[in-house]
Amino acid sequence: MAEASLIAWIALGALCSMPSQQHALEQADTVFEGRVLVTEPTRSGTLVRMQVVQRWKGGQAEQVELHLAPTTFTSVEPAYLEGQSYLVYAKASARADAEQAEKPQSLTPERTQLFTDPCSRSMPIALAEQDLLQMGMAVVPFDPAQHTEDFPSLEQNEEEENTGDQDPTE
């Protein structure tokens, strides 16, 4: 990771009133390690598309879109760099679709946007050793429908068992 980016994250930690790891975990709707696929500037900040590497809380998606609020109190702007991994503490919010605005909606993956801000405790994975130790084991997201070629079908397994070498003493 670029040294300047790490310095920006460390400086931001000194400027923010960072929550404790436990408080950040309790307040976040989802906590995950994500690898940045692409970043795009938006009118209200930055959109970061991430591949979820492992998850401690919330959701099941293999990829997420994270909306970053810009910093307003400092010129230090931590960057999410493509190809780099981050520990993310994010809040979820229902999308406001015009035709669905009057109907109450649950926070499903299709209807959820993830948000974080510079003082949420999100950080490069290289700086997250203490948080990772405190949270322990994570879940690795996996969508079997996306990876069917990696696994033989049940019928293939049964055929192999029936045509395999049988013990002649049986």
C-alpha atoms as a PDB file:
ATOM      1  CA  MET A   1       0.000   0.000   0.000  1.00  0.00           C
ATOM      2  CA  ALA A   2       1.211   3.488  -0.740  1.00  0.00           C
ATOM      3  CA  GLU A   3       2.987   4.959   2.263  1.00  0.00           C
ATOM      4  CA  ALA A   4       1.208   8.311   1.877  1.00  0.00           C
ATOM      5  CA  SER A   5      -2.163   6.588   2.105  1.00  0.00           C
ATOM      6  CA  LEU A   6      -1.215   4.825   5.349  1.00  0.00           C
ATOM      7  CA  ILE A   7       0.003   8.133   6.786  1.00  0.00           C
ATOM      8  CA  ALA A   8      -3.365   9.737   5.906  1.00  0.00           C
ATOM      9  CA  TRP A   9      -5.235   6.938   7.721  1.00  0.00           C
ATOM     10  CA  ILE A  10      -3.002   7.278  10.801  1.00  0.00           C
ATOM     11  CA  ALA A  11      -3.418  11.084  10.805  1.00  0.00           C
ATOM     12  CA  LEU A  12      -7.176  10.708  10.499  1.00  0.00           C
ATOM     13  CA  GLY A  13      -7.185   8.434  13.546  1.00  0.00           C
ATOM     14  CA  ALA A  14      -5.518  11.207  15.522  1.00  0.00           C
ATOM     15  CA  LEU A  15      -8.078  13.795  14.344  1.00  0.00           C
ATOM     16  CA  CYS A  16     -11.212  11.706  14.869  1.00  0.00           C
ATOM     17  CA  SER A  17     -12.796  10.603  18.054  1.00  0.00           C
ATOM     18  CA  MET A  18     -12.653   6.945  17.006  1.00  0.00           C
ATOM     19  CA  PRO A  19     -15.095   4.631  18.761  1.00  0.00           C
ATOM     20  CA  SER A  20     -13.748   1.614  20.582  1.00  0.00           C
ATOM     21  CA  GLN A  21     -13.649  -1.591  18.563  1.00  0.00           C
ATOM     22  CA  GLN A  22     -16.519  -3.046  20.615  1.00  0.00           C
ATOM     23  CA  HIS A  23     -18.680   0.070  20.195  1.00  0.00           C
ATOM     24  CA  ALA A  24     -17.940   0.242  16.448  1.00  0.00           C
ATOM     25  CA  LEU A  25     -18.884  -3.447  16.078  1.00  0.00           C
ATOM     26  CA  GLU A  26     -22.143  -2.945  17.998  1.00  0.00           C
ATOM     27  CA  GLN A  27     -23.121   0.190  16.047  1.00  0.00           C
ATOM     28  CA  ALA A  28     -22.289  -1.124  12.558  1.00  0.00           C
ATOM     29  CA  ASP A  29     -24.874  -3.023  10.538  1.00  0.00           C
ATOM     30  CA  THR A  30     -22.115  -4.886   8.738  1.00  0.00           C
ATOM     31  CA  VAL A  31     -18.404  -5.429   9.385  1.00  0.00           C
ATOM     32  CA  PHE A  32     -16.206  -6.999   6.729  1.00  0.00           C
ATOM     33  CA  GLU A  33     -12.801  -7.112   5.095  1.00  0.00           C
ATOM     34  CA  GLY A  34     -13.157  -5.933   1.524  1.00  0.00           C
ATOM     35  CA  ARG A  35     -10.763  -5.604  -1.403  1.00  0.00           C
ATOM     36  CA  VAL A  36     -11.346  -2.493  -3.520  1.00  0.00           C
ATOM     37  CA  LEU A  37     -12.350  -3.279  -7.093  1.00  0.00           C
ATOM     38  CA  VAL A  38     -13.041   0.285  -8.268  1.00  0.00           C
ATOM     39  CA  THR A  39     -13.726   3.751  -6.852  1.00  0.00           C
ATOM     40  CA  GLU A  40     -15.934   6.398  -8.452  1.00  0.00           C
ATOM     41  CA  PRO A  41     -16.505  10.003  -7.381  1.00  0.00           C
ATOM     42  CA  THR A  42     -20.157  10.948  -6.831  1.00  0.00           C
ATOM     43  CA  ARG A  43     -21.965  14.190  -6.008  1.00  0.00           C
ATOM     44  CA  SER A  44     -22.089  13.225  -2.349  1.00  0.00           C
ATOM     45  CA  GLY A  45     -18.667  11.604  -1.850  1.00  0.00           C
ATOM     46  CA  THR A  46     -17.157   8.440  -3.278  1.00  0.00           C
ATOM     47  CA  LEU A  47     -18.604   5.080  -4.289  1.00  0.00           C
ATOM     48  CA  VAL A  48     -16.303   2.118  -3.628  1.00  0.00           C
ATOM     49  CA  ARG A  49     -17.083  -1.306  -5.100  1.00  0.00           C
ATOM     50  CA  MET A  50     -15.520  -4.046  -2.989  1.00  0.00           C
ATOM     51  CA  GLN A  51     -15.091  -7.813  -3.063  1.00  0.00           C
ATOM     52  CA  VAL A  52     -15.910  -9.165   0.401  1.00  0.00           C
ATOM     53  CA  VAL A  53     -13.006 -11.286   1.644  1.00  0.00           C
ATOM     54  CA  GLN A  54     -14.454 -12.167   5.043  1.00  0.00           C
ATOM     55  CA  ARG A  55     -17.321 -10.925   7.206  1.00  0.00           C
ATOM     56  CA  TRP A  56     -17.931 -10.659  10.951  1.00  0.00           C
ATOM     57  CA  LYS A  57     -21.385  -9.104  10.926  1.00  0.00           C
ATOM     58  CA  GLY A  58     -24.307  -8.586   8.524  1.00  0.00           C
ATOM     59  CA  GLY A  59     -25.090  -9.427   4.893  1.00  0.00           C
ATOM     60  CA  GLN A  60     -24.107 -12.290   2.635  1.00  0.00           C
ATOM     61  CA  ALA A  61     -23.128 -10.588  -0.626  1.00  0.00           C
ATOM     62  CA  GLU A  62     -19.796 -11.389  -2.238  1.00  0.00           C
ATOM     63  CA  GLN A  63     -19.537  -7.814  -3.560  1.00  0.00           C
ATOM     64  CA  VAL A  64     -20.780  -4.564  -2.034  1.00  0.00           C
ATOM     65  CA  GLU A  65     -21.000  -0.891  -2.905  1.00  0.00           C
ATOM     66  CA  LEU A  66     -19.813   1.353  -0.113  1.00  0.00           C
ATOM     67  CA  HIS A  67     -20.725   5.046  -0.061  1.00  0.00           C
ATOM     68  CA  LEU A  68     -18.087   7.232   1.585  1.00  0.00           C
ATOM     69  CA  ALA A  69     -18.977  10.590   3.050  1.00  0.00           C
ATOM     70  CA  PRO A  70     -16.304  13.217   2.418  1.00  0.00           C
ATOM     71  CA  THR A  71     -14.332  14.650   5.306  1.00  0.00           C
ATOM     72  CA  THR A  72     -15.297  18.240   6.066  1.00  0.00           C
ATOM     73  CA  PHE A  73     -13.132  18.937   9.089  1.00  0.00           C
ATOM     74  CA  THR A  74      -9.708  18.218   7.634  1.00  0.00           C
ATOM     75  CA  SER A  75      -7.750  18.182   4.405  1.00  0.00           C
ATOM     76  CA  VAL A  76      -6.611  14.661   5.274  1.00  0.00           C
ATOM     77  CA  GLU A  77      -8.682  12.421   3.017  1.00  0.00           C
ATOM     78  CA  PRO A  78      -7.998   8.718   3.474  1.00  0.00           C
ATOM     79  CA  ALA A  79      -8.052   6.954   0.125  1.00  0.00           C
ATOM     80  CA  TYR A  80      -9.497   3.554  -0.673  1.00  0.00           C
ATOM     81  CA  LEU A  81      -6.972   2.270  -3.219  1.00  0.00           C
ATOM     82  CA  GLU A  82      -7.893  -0.257  -5.906  1.00  0.00           C
ATOM     83  CA  GLY A  83      -6.549  -3.729  -5.152  1.00  0.00           C
ATOM     84  CA  GLN A  84      -6.027  -2.954  -1.445  1.00  0.00           C
ATOM     85  CA  SER A  85      -7.982  -4.513   1.448  1.00  0.00           C
ATOM     86  CA  TYR A  86      -9.769  -2.656   4.242  1.00  0.00           C
ATOM     87  CA  LEU A  87     -11.618  -3.508   7.419  1.00  0.00           C
ATOM     88  CA  VAL A  88     -14.979  -1.758   7.018  1.00  0.00           C
ATOM     89  CA  TYR A  89     -17.517  -0.860   9.692  1.00  0.00           C
ATOM     90  CA  ALA A  90     -20.619   0.263   7.738  1.00  0.00           C
ATOM     91  CA  LYS A  91     -24.186   1.334   8.358  1.00  0.00           C
ATOM     92  CA  ALA A  92     -27.033   0.182   6.123  1.00  0.00           C
ATOM     93  CA  SER A  93     -29.816   2.360   4.801  1.00  0.00           C
ATOM     94  CA  ALA A  94     -32.851   1.459   2.695  1.00  0.00           C
ATOM     95  CA  ARG A  95     -32.821   2.808  -0.852  1.00  0.00           C
ATOM     96  CA  ALA A  96     -35.442   5.433  -1.538  1.00  0.00           C
ATOM     97  CA  ASP A  97     -37.016   4.225  -4.779  1.00  0.00           C
ATOM     98  CA  ALA A  98     -39.733   6.675  -5.905  1.00  0.00           C
ATOM     99  CA  GLU A  99     -42.435   4.062  -6.551  1.00  0.00           C
ATOM    100  CA  GLN A 100     -41.691   2.258  -3.273  1.00  0.00           C
ATOM    101  CA  ALA A 101     -41.291   5.339  -1.074  1.00  0.00           C
ATOM    102  CA  GLU A 102     -44.643   4.897   0.669  1.00  0.00           C
ATOM    103  CA  LYS A 103     -44.224   1.202   1.427  1.00  0.00           C
ATOM    104  CA  PRO A 104     -42.088   0.131   4.382  1.00  0.00           C
ATOM    105  CA  GLN A 105     -39.149  -1.951   3.182  1.00  0.00           C
ATOM    106  CA  SER A 106     -36.860  -4.327   4.990  1.00  0.00           C
ATOM    107  CA  LEU A 107     -33.109  -4.067   4.536  1.00  0.00           C
ATOM    108  CA  THR A 108     -32.585  -6.761   1.919  1.00  0.00           C
ATOM    109  CA  PRO A 109     -29.382  -6.863  -0.178  1.00  0.00           C
ATOM    110  CA  GLU A 110     -31.258  -5.465  -3.188  1.00  0.00           C
ATOM    111  CA  ARG A 111     -32.649  -2.576  -1.142  1.00  0.00           C
ATOM    112  CA  THR A 112     -29.646  -1.690   0.973  1.00  0.00           C
ATOM    113  CA  GLN A 113     -26.901   0.862   0.590  1.00  0.00           C
ATOM    114  CA  LEU A 114     -23.843   0.751   2.824  1.00  0.00           C
ATOM    115  CA  PHE A 115     -22.341   3.938   4.201  1.00  0.00           C
ATOM    116  CA  THR A 116     -19.243   4.747   6.186  1.00  0.00           C
ATOM    117  CA  ASP A 117     -17.494   7.925   7.191  1.00  0.00           C
ATOM    118  CA  PRO A 118     -13.890   8.768   7.975  1.00  0.00           C
ATOM    119  CA  CYS A 119     -14.373   8.336  11.736  1.00  0.00           C
ATOM    120  CA  SER A 120     -16.229   4.999  11.660  1.00  0.00           C
ATOM    121  CA  ARG A 121     -13.137   2.981  12.578  1.00  0.00           C
ATOM    122  CA  SER A 122     -12.826   1.584   9.038  1.00  0.00           C
ATOM    123  CA  MET A 123      -9.145   1.239   8.141  1.00  0.00           C
ATOM    124  CA  PRO A 124      -6.625  -0.464   5.860  1.00  0.00           C
ATOM    125  CA  ILE A 125      -6.280  -4.132   6.781  1.00  0.00           C
ATOM    126  CA  ALA A 126      -2.577  -3.453   7.415  1.00  0.00           C
ATOM    127  CA  LEU A 127      -3.592  -1.289  10.417  1.00  0.00           C
ATOM    128  CA  ALA A 128      -6.377  -3.582  11.691  1.00  0.00           C
ATOM    129  CA  GLU A 129      -4.446  -6.275  13.600  1.00  0.00           C
ATOM    130  CA  GLN A 130      -5.971  -5.448  17.011  1.00  0.00           C
ATOM    131  CA  ASP A 131      -9.529  -5.309  15.655  1.00  0.00           C
ATOM    132  CA  LEU A 132      -9.081  -8.614  13.812  1.00  0.00           C
ATOM    133  CA  LEU A 133      -7.772 -10.299  16.964  1.00  0.00           C
ATOM    134  CA  GLN A 134     -10.685  -8.985  19.041  1.00  0.00           C
ATOM    135  CA  MET A 135     -13.328 -10.098  16.523  1.00  0.00           C
ATOM    136  CA  GLY A 136     -11.926 -13.590  16.005  1.00  0.00           C
ATOM    137  CA  MET A 137     -13.095 -15.955  13.274  1.00  0.00           C
ATOM    138  CA  ALA A 138     -14.994 -14.545  10.301  1.00  0.00           C
ATOM    139  CA  VAL A 139     -17.304 -15.992   7.672  1.00  0.00           C
ATOM    140  CA  VAL A 140     -16.030 -16.228   4.121  1.00  0.00           C
ATOM    141  CA  PRO A 141     -18.854 -15.373   1.704  1.00  0.00           C
ATOM    142  CA  PHE A 142     -19.537 -17.966  -0.943  1.00  0.00           C
ATOM    143  CA  ASP A 143     -22.335 -18.203  -3.485  1.00  0.00           C
ATOM    144  CA  PRO A 144     -22.494 -21.818  -4.742  1.00  0.00           C
ATOM    145  CA  ALA A 145     -24.645 -20.762  -7.718  1.00  0.00           C
ATOM    146  CA  GLN A 146     -21.693 -18.719  -8.956  1.00  0.00           C
ATOM    147  CA  HIS A 147     -19.211 -21.594  -8.626  1.00  0.00           C
ATOM    148  CA  THR A 148     -21.013 -24.686  -9.934  1.00  0.00           C
ATOM    149  CA  GLU A 149     -18.175 -25.628 -12.270  1.00  0.00           C
ATOM    150  CA  ASP A 150     -15.929 -26.200  -9.263  1.00  0.00           C
ATOM    151  CA  PHE A 151     -18.108 -28.963  -7.843  1.00  0.00           C
ATOM    152  CA  PRO A 152     -19.381 -32.149  -9.476  1.00  0.00           C
ATOM    153  CA  SER A 153     -23.128 -32.648  -9.400  1.00  0.00           C
ATOM    154  CA  LEU A 154     -24.710 -35.143  -7.026  1.00  0.00           C
ATOM    155  CA  GLU A 155     -25.442 -37.431  -9.999  1.00  0.00           C
ATOM    156  CA  GLN A 156     -21.747 -37.384 -10.999  1.00  0.00           C
ATOM    157  CA  ASN A 157     -20.734 -38.357  -7.465  1.00  0.00           C
ATOM    158  CA  GLU A 158     -23.211 -41.257  -7.414  1.00  0.00           C
ATOM    159  CA  GLU A 159     -22.013 -42.502 -10.831  1.00  0.00           C
ATOM    160  CA  GLU A 160     -18.403 -42.434  -9.679  1.00  0.00           C
ATOM    161  CA  GLU A 161     -19.300 -44.345  -6.538  1.00  0.00           C
ATOM    162  CA  ASN A 162     -21.230 -46.997  -8.535  1.00  0.00           C
ATOM    163  CA  THR A 163     -18.544 -47.468 -11.214  1.00  0.00           C
ATOM    164  CA  GLY A 164     -15.555 -47.214  -8.909  1.00  0.00           C
ATOM    165  CA  ASP A 165     -13.362 -50.133  -7.965  1.00  0.00           C
ATOM    166  CA  GLN A 166     -15.233 -52.472  -5.673  1.00  0.00           C
ATOM    167  CA  ASP A 167     -13.553 -54.773  -3.226  1.00  0.00           C
ATOM    168  CA  PRO A 168     -13.625 -58.304  -4.773  1.00  0.00           C
ATOM    169  CA  THR A 169     -14.220 -59.858  -1.319  1.00  0.00           C
ATOM    170  CA  GLU A 170     -17.658 -58.221  -1.065  1.00  0.00           C
END
